[in-house]
């Protein structure tokens, strides 16, 4: 775990609030920023309404990407929660990692989680955990 991802502390807090506010459903959204720092979260609706999977509807995905471009931000990541179980990529997360350049943040809403926020690089089926540097 030598590679780090830089993210604003407020964005981490926002993602955790969202995950804890929806303990029975995977929350999800996109992350954007500039100059190598994630500066903004774009929450999305989990079209599946599931506690074990998430999907962002295409129309919402396009709306979020347009908002990022309009704000001059770069798509840097994707986040979702795992309401039960470990916040590590599931087989489905690895299979559906359609944006290989994006960092995947997985949250645990559980107050007992040793690390409530974890970040991963997922490329071609390979998973590598990244250090999180809050700025």
Foldseek 3Di string as FASTA:
>chain_A
DEAEQEEAPVQVVVLLVVCLVCLFFKWKFWFKAPPRYTYDTDTADFPVRGLADGDGDPVVVVVVVVVCVVVVIDTAAMEIENSDDDQDDDPVNLVPVPPQRHKYWYAYNDPPDPDRIWIWRHDPSDIDTHHYHHD
